[in-house]
N, C-alpha and C. Protein backbone atom coordinates (compact mmCIF):
# COMPACT_ATOMS: atom_id res chain seq x y z
N UNK A 1 -71.47 -11.79 -57.74
CA UNK A 1 -70.85 -13.03 -57.41
C UNK A 1 -71.62 -13.66 -56.27
N UNK A 2 -71.77 -14.95 -56.31
CA UNK A 2 -72.42 -15.69 -55.24
C UNK A 2 -71.48 -16.75 -54.69
N UNK A 3 -71.52 -16.92 -53.40
CA UNK A 3 -70.72 -17.94 -52.72
C UNK A 3 -71.66 -18.73 -51.84
N UNK A 4 -71.60 -20.04 -51.95
CA UNK A 4 -72.43 -20.92 -51.13
C UNK A 4 -71.51 -21.72 -50.21
N UNK A 5 -71.79 -21.64 -48.91
CA UNK A 5 -70.99 -22.35 -47.92
C UNK A 5 -71.94 -23.25 -47.14
N UNK A 6 -71.60 -24.53 -47.08
CA UNK A 6 -72.46 -25.49 -46.39
C UNK A 6 -71.82 -25.93 -45.08
N UNK A 7 -72.68 -26.44 -44.19
CA UNK A 7 -72.25 -27.06 -42.94
C UNK A 7 -71.43 -26.14 -42.04
N UNK A 8 -71.85 -24.90 -41.92
CA UNK A 8 -71.18 -23.97 -41.02
C UNK A 8 -71.77 -24.18 -39.63
N UNK A 9 -70.94 -24.35 -38.61
CA UNK A 9 -71.46 -24.51 -37.25
C UNK A 9 -72.26 -23.28 -36.82
N UNK A 10 -73.28 -23.52 -36.01
CA UNK A 10 -74.06 -22.40 -35.47
C UNK A 10 -73.13 -21.44 -34.74
N UNK A 11 -73.45 -20.16 -34.84
CA UNK A 11 -72.65 -19.16 -34.14
C UNK A 11 -72.76 -17.80 -34.79
N UNK A 12 -71.95 -16.89 -34.33
CA UNK A 12 -71.91 -15.53 -34.86
C UNK A 12 -70.69 -15.39 -35.76
N UNK A 13 -70.89 -14.73 -36.90
CA UNK A 13 -69.83 -14.58 -37.89
C UNK A 13 -69.81 -13.16 -38.43
N UNK A 14 -68.69 -12.81 -39.05
CA UNK A 14 -68.51 -11.52 -39.70
C UNK A 14 -67.81 -11.77 -41.03
N UNK A 15 -68.18 -11.01 -42.04
CA UNK A 15 -67.56 -11.15 -43.36
C UNK A 15 -66.98 -9.83 -43.83
N UNK A 16 -65.87 -9.94 -44.53
CA UNK A 16 -65.35 -8.79 -45.26
C UNK A 16 -64.91 -9.30 -46.62
N UNK A 17 -65.09 -8.47 -47.64
CA UNK A 17 -64.70 -8.84 -49.00
C UNK A 17 -63.95 -7.70 -49.66
N UNK A 18 -63.02 -8.10 -50.54
CA UNK A 18 -62.24 -7.14 -51.32
C UNK A 18 -62.27 -7.60 -52.76
N UNK A 19 -62.52 -6.69 -53.68
CA UNK A 19 -62.44 -6.99 -55.10
C UNK A 19 -61.00 -6.73 -55.52
N UNK A 20 -60.21 -7.78 -55.58
CA UNK A 20 -58.77 -7.69 -55.83
C UNK A 20 -58.51 -7.54 -57.33
N UNK A 21 -58.74 -6.34 -57.85
CA UNK A 21 -58.64 -6.12 -59.29
C UNK A 21 -57.23 -6.21 -59.83
N UNK A 22 -56.23 -5.94 -58.99
CA UNK A 22 -54.84 -6.01 -59.47
C UNK A 22 -54.18 -7.36 -59.13
N UNK A 23 -54.97 -8.28 -58.58
CA UNK A 23 -54.52 -9.64 -58.26
C UNK A 23 -53.26 -9.67 -57.39
N UNK A 24 -53.20 -8.77 -56.41
CA UNK A 24 -52.06 -8.71 -55.49
C UNK A 24 -52.28 -9.57 -54.25
N UNK A 25 -53.47 -10.14 -54.13
CA UNK A 25 -53.86 -10.94 -52.95
C UNK A 25 -53.90 -10.12 -51.68
N UNK A 26 -54.12 -8.82 -51.82
CA UNK A 26 -54.20 -7.92 -50.67
C UNK A 26 -54.90 -6.64 -51.11
N UNK A 27 -55.40 -5.89 -50.14
CA UNK A 27 -56.00 -4.59 -50.44
C UNK A 27 -54.90 -3.64 -50.90
N UNK A 28 -55.16 -2.88 -51.95
CA UNK A 28 -54.20 -1.90 -52.45
C UNK A 28 -54.66 -0.50 -52.02
N UNK A 29 -53.71 0.33 -51.61
CA UNK A 29 -54.01 1.67 -51.10
C UNK A 29 -53.29 2.73 -51.93
N UNK A 30 -53.87 3.92 -51.94
CA UNK A 30 -53.24 5.06 -52.61
C UNK A 30 -52.10 5.59 -51.74
N UNK A 31 -51.38 6.57 -52.24
CA UNK A 31 -50.30 7.19 -51.47
C UNK A 31 -50.83 7.87 -50.21
N UNK A 32 -52.10 8.27 -50.23
CA UNK A 32 -52.72 8.90 -49.07
C UNK A 32 -53.31 7.90 -48.09
N UNK A 33 -53.24 6.61 -48.43
CA UNK A 33 -53.75 5.57 -47.53
C UNK A 33 -55.20 5.16 -47.75
N UNK A 34 -55.82 5.68 -48.81
CA UNK A 34 -57.21 5.31 -49.12
C UNK A 34 -57.23 4.05 -49.98
N UNK A 35 -58.18 3.14 -49.74
CA UNK A 35 -58.27 1.94 -50.57
C UNK A 35 -58.53 2.30 -52.03
N UNK A 36 -57.85 1.61 -52.94
CA UNK A 36 -58.07 1.84 -54.37
C UNK A 36 -58.91 0.73 -54.99
N UNK A 37 -59.25 -0.29 -54.18
CA UNK A 37 -60.09 -1.39 -54.65
C UNK A 37 -61.39 -1.40 -53.85
N UNK A 38 -62.42 -1.97 -54.46
CA UNK A 38 -63.72 -2.01 -53.81
C UNK A 38 -63.71 -3.01 -52.66
N UNK A 39 -64.48 -2.71 -51.60
CA UNK A 39 -64.53 -3.56 -50.42
C UNK A 39 -65.88 -3.42 -49.74
N UNK A 40 -66.17 -4.34 -48.84
CA UNK A 40 -67.42 -4.28 -48.09
C UNK A 40 -67.36 -5.18 -46.88
N UNK A 41 -68.31 -4.97 -45.95
CA UNK A 41 -68.39 -5.73 -44.72
C UNK A 41 -69.82 -6.24 -44.54
N UNK A 42 -69.96 -7.32 -43.76
CA UNK A 42 -71.29 -7.84 -43.50
C UNK A 42 -72.15 -6.77 -42.83
N UNK A 43 -73.45 -6.90 -43.04
CA UNK A 43 -74.46 -5.92 -42.60
C UNK A 43 -74.29 -4.57 -43.29
N UNK A 44 -73.44 -4.53 -44.33
CA UNK A 44 -73.17 -3.31 -45.09
C UNK A 44 -72.76 -2.15 -44.20
N UNK A 45 -72.02 -2.47 -43.14
CA UNK A 45 -71.54 -1.43 -42.22
C UNK A 45 -70.31 -0.75 -42.79
N UNK A 46 -70.14 0.50 -42.45
CA UNK A 46 -69.00 1.31 -42.87
C UNK A 46 -68.39 1.96 -41.64
N UNK A 47 -67.09 2.06 -41.61
CA UNK A 47 -66.42 2.80 -40.54
C UNK A 47 -66.20 4.23 -40.98
N UNK A 48 -65.92 5.10 -40.03
CA UNK A 48 -65.68 6.51 -40.38
C UNK A 48 -64.28 6.71 -40.96
N UNK A 49 -63.26 6.28 -40.24
CA UNK A 49 -61.88 6.44 -40.70
C UNK A 49 -61.16 5.10 -40.66
N UNK A 50 -61.83 4.06 -41.05
CA UNK A 50 -61.28 2.71 -41.02
C UNK A 50 -62.42 1.72 -41.07
N UNK A 51 -62.15 0.48 -40.78
CA UNK A 51 -63.22 -0.52 -40.82
C UNK A 51 -64.23 -0.30 -39.70
N UNK A 52 -65.45 -0.82 -39.87
CA UNK A 52 -66.44 -0.70 -38.80
C UNK A 52 -66.05 -1.56 -37.60
N UNK A 53 -66.69 -1.33 -36.48
CA UNK A 53 -66.46 -2.15 -35.30
C UNK A 53 -66.88 -3.59 -35.60
N UNK A 54 -66.11 -4.54 -35.14
CA UNK A 54 -66.38 -5.96 -35.39
C UNK A 54 -67.80 -6.32 -34.99
N UNK A 55 -68.25 -5.84 -33.83
CA UNK A 55 -69.58 -6.17 -33.33
C UNK A 55 -70.69 -5.72 -34.28
N UNK A 56 -70.47 -4.64 -35.02
CA UNK A 56 -71.48 -4.13 -35.96
C UNK A 56 -71.64 -5.04 -37.17
N UNK A 57 -70.65 -5.84 -37.47
CA UNK A 57 -70.68 -6.67 -38.67
C UNK A 57 -71.13 -8.11 -38.39
N UNK A 58 -71.38 -8.44 -37.12
CA UNK A 58 -71.75 -9.80 -36.77
C UNK A 58 -73.15 -10.17 -37.25
N UNK A 59 -73.31 -11.41 -37.68
CA UNK A 59 -74.62 -11.98 -37.98
C UNK A 59 -74.62 -13.40 -37.48
N UNK A 60 -75.81 -13.94 -37.25
CA UNK A 60 -75.92 -15.27 -36.65
C UNK A 60 -76.25 -16.33 -37.69
N UNK A 61 -75.57 -17.45 -37.59
CA UNK A 61 -75.85 -18.62 -38.43
C UNK A 61 -76.59 -19.62 -37.55
N UNK A 62 -77.77 -20.04 -38.02
CA UNK A 62 -78.54 -21.06 -37.32
C UNK A 62 -78.97 -22.11 -38.33
N UNK A 63 -80.07 -22.77 -38.12
CA UNK A 63 -80.48 -23.84 -39.03
C UNK A 63 -81.26 -23.35 -40.24
N UNK A 64 -81.29 -22.07 -40.48
CA UNK A 64 -82.02 -21.52 -41.62
C UNK A 64 -81.05 -21.15 -42.74
N UNK A 65 -81.57 -21.14 -43.97
CA UNK A 65 -80.78 -20.68 -45.12
C UNK A 65 -80.62 -19.16 -44.98
N UNK A 66 -79.41 -18.70 -45.10
CA UNK A 66 -79.12 -17.27 -44.96
C UNK A 66 -78.65 -16.74 -46.31
N UNK A 67 -79.25 -15.63 -46.71
CA UNK A 67 -78.76 -14.90 -47.87
C UNK A 67 -78.22 -13.59 -47.35
N UNK A 68 -76.94 -13.38 -47.59
CA UNK A 68 -76.29 -12.19 -47.05
C UNK A 68 -75.67 -11.42 -48.20
N UNK A 69 -76.15 -10.23 -48.47
CA UNK A 69 -75.64 -9.41 -49.55
C UNK A 69 -74.70 -8.35 -48.99
N UNK A 70 -73.57 -8.15 -49.67
CA UNK A 70 -72.62 -7.12 -49.26
C UNK A 70 -72.41 -6.17 -50.43
N UNK A 71 -72.69 -4.90 -50.20
CA UNK A 71 -72.50 -3.89 -51.22
C UNK A 71 -71.04 -3.40 -51.14
N UNK A 72 -70.37 -3.40 -52.28
CA UNK A 72 -68.99 -2.94 -52.31
C UNK A 72 -68.94 -1.43 -52.48
N UNK A 73 -68.00 -0.81 -51.79
CA UNK A 73 -67.82 0.65 -51.88
C UNK A 73 -66.65 0.92 -52.80
């Protein structure tokens, strides 16, 4: 999937994505608390027992075209 966003102000940003396969509009978890749907964060960072630190996922938007790929786990 590709998403194109135009006219974003310069600055630092972070992205997270969820493949909402059950169309619940939220992340779905197992009884043990593990995600049952695919997800990912900018810079392809992973946390050990939860999401990665916000600072690890930051990227900068400037006047250049940015292609940012996120691998889903």
